[in-house]
Protein backbone atom coordinates (compact mmCIF):
# COMPACT_ATOMS: atom_id res chain seq x y z
CA UNK A 1 -11.79 28.77 -9.14
CA UNK A 2 -10.10 26.96 -6.61
CA UNK A 3 -12.12 24.34 -4.61
CA UNK A 4 -12.20 23.61 -1.00
CA UNK A 5 -10.64 20.38 -1.41
CA UNK A 6 -8.03 21.87 -3.74
CA UNK A 7 -6.99 24.63 -1.31
CA UNK A 8 -6.56 21.95 1.41
CA UNK A 9 -4.45 19.55 -0.82
CA UNK A 10 -2.22 22.30 -1.88
CA UNK A 11 -1.65 23.33 1.97
CA UNK A 12 -1.07 19.56 2.86
CA UNK A 13 1.20 18.97 0.03
CA UNK A 14 3.38 22.14 1.24
CA UNK A 15 3.59 20.53 4.47
CA UNK A 16 4.07 16.91 3.71
CA UNK A 17 6.67 17.32 1.04
CA UNK A 18 8.94 19.48 3.64
CA UNK A 19 12.52 17.81 3.86
CA UNK A 20 12.48 18.51 7.53
CA UNK A 21 8.97 17.55 8.64
CA UNK A 22 8.34 18.50 12.40
CA UNK A 23 5.79 17.68 15.05
CA UNK A 24 4.17 21.12 14.48
CA UNK A 25 3.65 20.36 10.79
CA UNK A 26 2.23 17.08 11.90
CA UNK A 27 -0.37 19.00 14.03
CA UNK A 28 -1.12 21.08 11.37
CA UNK A 29 -1.73 18.46 8.84
CA UNK A 30 -4.04 16.59 11.22
CA UNK A 31 -5.90 19.65 12.12
CA UNK A 32 -6.70 20.05 8.27
CA UNK A 33 -8.35 16.88 8.35
CA UNK A 34 -10.17 17.80 11.53
CA UNK A 35 -8.09 15.55 14.04
CA UNK A 36 -6.89 17.74 17.00
CA UNK A 37 -3.72 16.20 18.71
CA UNK A 38 -1.36 17.84 21.01
CA UNK A 39 2.34 18.40 20.02
CA UNK A 40 2.94 16.73 23.53
CA UNK A 41 1.19 13.53 22.27
CA UNK A 42 3.02 13.38 18.91
CA UNK A 43 6.35 14.15 20.96
CA UNK A 44 5.75 10.93 23.01
CA UNK A 45 4.42 8.30 20.78
CA UNK A 46 5.83 5.42 19.24
CA UNK A 47 3.71 3.49 16.69
CA UNK A 48 3.42 -0.47 16.50
CA UNK A 49 5.81 -0.80 13.62
CA UNK A 50 8.75 0.64 15.70
CA UNK A 51 8.58 -2.34 17.97
CA UNK A 52 9.16 -4.88 15.27
CA UNK A 53 12.73 -6.42 15.40
CA UNK A 54 13.60 -5.54 11.66
CA UNK A 55 12.52 -1.82 12.30
CA UNK A 56 14.57 -1.52 15.49
CA UNK A 57 17.46 -3.17 14.53
CA UNK A 58 17.98 -1.53 11.28
CA UNK A 59 16.87 1.82 12.79
CA UNK A 60 14.26 2.54 10.27
CA UNK A 61 12.05 4.92 11.88
CA UNK A 62 12.92 8.73 11.53
CA UNK A 63 10.59 11.35 13.33
CA UNK A 64 9.26 12.08 9.91
CA UNK A 65 8.39 8.79 8.99
CA UNK A 66 6.75 7.83 12.34
CA UNK A 67 4.60 11.03 12.02
CA UNK A 68 3.64 10.28 8.43
CA UNK A 69 2.77 6.64 9.22
CA UNK A 70 0.49 8.06 12.04
CA UNK A 71 -1.05 10.49 9.69
CA UNK A 72 -1.56 7.75 7.11
CA UNK A 73 -3.54 5.61 9.77
CA UNK A 74 -5.34 8.55 11.18
CA UNK A 75 -6.88 9.54 7.99
CA UNK A 76 -9.21 6.33 8.36
CA UNK A 77 -10.56 7.94 11.56
CA UNK A 78 -11.58 11.13 9.81
CA UNK A 79 -14.64 11.73 7.92
CA UNK A 80 -12.37 13.25 5.36
CA UNK A 81 -11.41 9.57 4.46
CA UNK A 82 -14.98 9.18 3.15
CA UNK A 83 -14.51 11.81 0.37
CA UNK A 84 -12.72 9.88 -2.23
CA UNK A 85 -11.93 12.80 -4.46
CA UNK A 86 -9.78 14.17 -1.42
CA UNK A 87 -8.54 11.06 0.22
CA UNK A 88 -7.03 9.22 -2.78
CA UNK A 89 -5.03 12.46 -3.47
CA UNK A 90 -4.07 12.77 0.03
CA UNK A 91 -2.71 9.36 0.08
CA UNK A 92 -0.83 9.84 -2.97
CA UNK A 93 0.94 12.56 -1.29
CA UNK A 94 1.56 10.50 1.76
CA UNK A 95 2.86 7.19 -0.16
CA UNK A 96 5.46 9.24 -1.97
CA UNK A 97 6.96 10.12 1.08
CA UNK A 98 6.42 6.86 3.08
CA UNK A 99 7.36 4.41 0.32
CA UNK A 100 10.51 3.42 -1.14
CA UNK A 101 8.97 4.24 -4.28
CA UNK A 102 5.56 5.04 -5.52
CA UNK A 103 4.68 5.79 -9.08
CA UNK A 104 2.25 8.07 -10.66
CA UNK A 105 -1.79 7.42 -10.47
CA UNK A 106 -1.71 5.52 -7.21
CA UNK A 107 -5.23 4.75 -6.10
CA UNK A 108 -5.71 3.65 -2.60
CA UNK A 109 -8.95 3.20 -0.89
CA UNK A 110 -9.50 3.31 3.20
CA UNK A 111 -8.34 0.71 5.58
CA UNK A 112 -4.98 0.02 3.79
CA UNK A 113 -2.27 -0.92 6.23
CA UNK A 114 1.33 -1.75 6.41
CA UNK A 115 4.20 -2.28 8.74
CA UNK A 116 7.52 -1.12 7.30
CA UNK A 117 6.53 1.14 4.33
CA UNK A 118 10.44 1.86 3.54
CA UNK A 119 10.43 -1.46 2.18
CA UNK A 120 7.56 -1.19 -0.04
CA UNK A 121 7.87 -0.23 -4.02
CA UNK A 122 4.86 0.71 -6.04
CA UNK A 123 4.80 1.30 -9.88
CA UNK A 124 2.30 3.61 -11.71
CA UNK A 125 -1.27 3.03 -11.88
CA UNK A 126 -1.78 0.64 -8.97
CA UNK A 127 -4.98 0.22 -7.32
CA UNK A 128 -5.23 -1.05 -3.69
CA UNK A 129 -8.76 -1.63 -2.37
CA UNK A 130 -10.18 -1.65 0.97
CA UNK A 131 -8.54 -3.60 3.78
CA UNK A 132 -5.25 -4.64 2.00
CA UNK A 133 -2.70 -5.53 4.56
CA UNK A 134 1.09 -5.42 3.42
CA UNK A 135 3.58 -7.02 5.55
CA UNK A 136 6.57 -5.69 4.05
CA UNK A 137 9.45 -6.74 6.51
CA UNK A 138 11.25 -8.67 3.84
CA UNK A 139 10.37 -6.32 1.05
CA UNK A 140 7.26 -6.15 -1.29
CA UNK A 141 7.46 -4.83 -4.82
CA UNK A 142 4.23 -4.06 -6.87
CA UNK A 143 4.54 -3.41 -10.56
CA UNK A 144 2.66 -1.06 -12.80
CA UNK A 145 -1.04 -1.33 -13.56
CA UNK A 146 -1.60 -4.06 -10.80
CA UNK A 147 -4.84 -4.33 -9.02
CA UNK A 148 -5.03 -5.73 -5.35
CA UNK A 149 -8.53 -6.01 -4.22
CA UNK A 150 -10.58 -6.04 -0.71
CA UNK A 151 -8.79 -7.48 2.03
CA UNK A 152 -6.03 -9.08 0.33
CA UNK A 153 -3.10 -10.09 2.58
CA UNK A 154 0.78 -10.03 1.60
CA UNK A 155 3.30 -11.41 3.73
CA UNK A 156 7.11 -11.27 3.31
CA UNK A 157 8.21 -12.88 6.69
CA UNK A 158 7.39 -15.90 8.86
CA UNK A 159 8.33 -17.69 12.30
CA UNK A 160 10.07 -20.77 13.19
CA UNK A 161 7.54 -23.25 14.80
CA UNK A 162 9.89 -24.20 17.44
CA UNK A 163 11.09 -20.63 18.45
CA UNK A 164 9.03 -17.66 17.71
CA UNK A 165 11.99 -15.10 18.02
CA UNK A 166 13.65 -16.99 14.83
CA UNK A 167 12.29 -15.35 11.72
CA UNK A 168 12.92 -15.50 8.14
CA UNK A 169 12.41 -12.94 5.42
CA UNK A 170 11.62 -13.37 1.73
CA UNK A 171 10.37 -10.78 -0.86
CA UNK A 172 7.27 -10.68 -2.57
CA UNK A 173 6.90 -9.53 -6.11
CA UNK A 174 3.93 -8.75 -7.84
CA UNK A 175 4.78 -8.23 -11.67
CA UNK A 176 2.81 -5.88 -14.18
CA UNK A 177 -0.69 -6.07 -14.90
CA UNK A 178 -1.49 -8.92 -12.49
CA UNK A 179 -4.84 -8.88 -10.49
CA UNK A 180 -5.13 -10.34 -7.10
CA UNK A 181 -8.68 -10.78 -5.94
CA UNK A 182 -10.62 -10.44 -2.70
CA UNK A 183 -9.40 -12.05 0.53
CA UNK A 184 -6.32 -13.78 -1.19
CA UNK A 185 -3.31 -14.39 0.82
CA UNK A 186 0.20 -14.12 -0.47
CA UNK A 187 2.91 -15.84 1.30
CA UNK A 188 6.62 -15.01 1.74
CA UNK A 189 8.87 -15.44 -1.22
CA UNK A 190 6.03 -15.69 -3.99
CA UNK A 191 6.31 -13.87 -7.22
CA UNK A 192 3.20 -13.15 -9.19
CA UNK A 193 3.94 -13.28 -13.01
CA UNK A 194 3.15 -10.51 -15.43
CA UNK A 195 -0.54 -10.39 -16.44
CA UNK A 196 -1.40 -13.20 -13.86
CA UNK A 197 -4.21 -13.64 -11.81
CA UNK A 198 -4.94 -14.87 -8.24
CA UNK A 199 -8.34 -16.13 -7.47
CA UNK A 200 -10.24 -14.74 -4.22
CA UNK A 201 -9.75 -16.55 -0.96
CA UNK A 202 -6.68 -18.37 -2.31
CA UNK A 203 -3.72 -19.02 -0.24
CA UNK A 204 -0.63 -18.59 -2.67
CA UNK A 205 2.55 -20.63 -1.43
CA UNK A 206 4.40 -20.82 -4.73
CA UNK A 207 5.35 -18.50 -7.89
CA UNK A 208 2.23 -18.03 -10.38
CA UNK A 209 3.48 -17.83 -13.93
CA UNK A 210 2.66 -15.27 -16.23
CA UNK A 211 -0.78 -15.00 -17.88
CA UNK A 212 -2.40 -17.79 -15.77
CA UNK A 213 -5.12 -17.93 -13.35
CA UNK A 214 -4.37 -19.69 -9.95
CA UNK A 215 -6.48 -20.38 -7.05
CA UNK A 216 -7.51 -22.22 -4.25
CA UNK A 217 -5.93 -23.40 -0.89
CA UNK A 218 -3.05 -23.97 -1.61
CA UNK A 219 -3.42 -22.11 -4.94
CA UNK A 220 -2.79 -24.11 -8.07
CA UNK A 221 -3.00 -23.69 -11.83
CA UNK A 222 -6.63 -23.44 -13.11
CA UNK A 223 -6.36 -22.19 -16.98
CA UNK A 224 -4.68 -19.60 -18.83
CA UNK A 225 -6.06 -15.90 -18.42
CA UNK A 226 -8.65 -15.24 -20.98
CA UNK A 227 -6.73 -12.27 -22.53
CA UNK A 228 -8.08 -12.60 -26.25
CA UNK A 229 -4.56 -11.88 -27.52
CA UNK A 230 -4.65 -8.48 -25.60
CA UNK A 231 -1.55 -7.67 -23.52
CA UNK A 232 -0.26 -4.64 -21.35
CA UNK A 233 -2.07 -1.33 -21.99
CA UNK A 234 -4.46 -3.35 -24.37
CA UNK A 235 -5.95 -4.96 -21.11
CA UNK A 236 -7.34 -1.69 -20.12
CA UNK A 237 -6.43 -1.76 -16.35
CA UNK A 238 -8.54 1.37 -15.90
CA UNK A 239 -9.95 1.10 -12.20
CA UNK A 240 -12.78 3.64 -11.76
CA UNK A 241 -15.28 5.34 -13.86
CA UNK A 242 -13.84 7.29 -16.77
CA UNK A 243 -10.22 6.78 -15.57
CA UNK A 244 -10.58 8.81 -12.60
CA UNK A 245 -7.14 9.54 -10.99
CA UNK A 246 -5.44 7.95 -13.99
CA UNK A 247 -5.29 10.70 -16.49
CA UNK A 248 -1.66 11.68 -15.81
């Protein structure tokens, strides 16, 4: 028997995956998560990210992208966001349309925000916990089986101290099987190596080599990761009980 959530998710998938996603489609999507917004409102809005110079100069926001980004942020205002068995699957649908790339088994908790979704690439079996912020103006690439935990912040751009309007952009890359622990900050141009760990509350200003633990402000080498000679899938990066949402 098809469940209540399954029926809703099927309707949402049919709408979100439409090539020509319209304002009326957005109204229907929002109504399915009990958010009532008028077409007139959606016709006039611009979201914050559209006022960022990189978005404006590169003309990154289409109507579809604006509406889907608005829906992503709106979900956190709905009680449906508290139903993990629904909200995680809805975020999967949205992520595949918003991001440059989003692999299978993407698990994303509430409160995850970003500014330029088209400059985010995400591999398979990635877990983003609550409150993660991704500044992707300079591109952010997240590999397979990566965990980014509560309130981590990732930055890929910075400003000149003498003139705020002077900006520089540098990509951030987090390689396969890395884990970034709570409230860490990753600064522009940093690469986190394969199977590396970043300790909580760290400020990462330089590359983190593979298979190491770095931590502190600024982050420095602490020790090698205690892997017991296990690598890749042997590390068992299973995020939730019984591998929920990772069975594909």
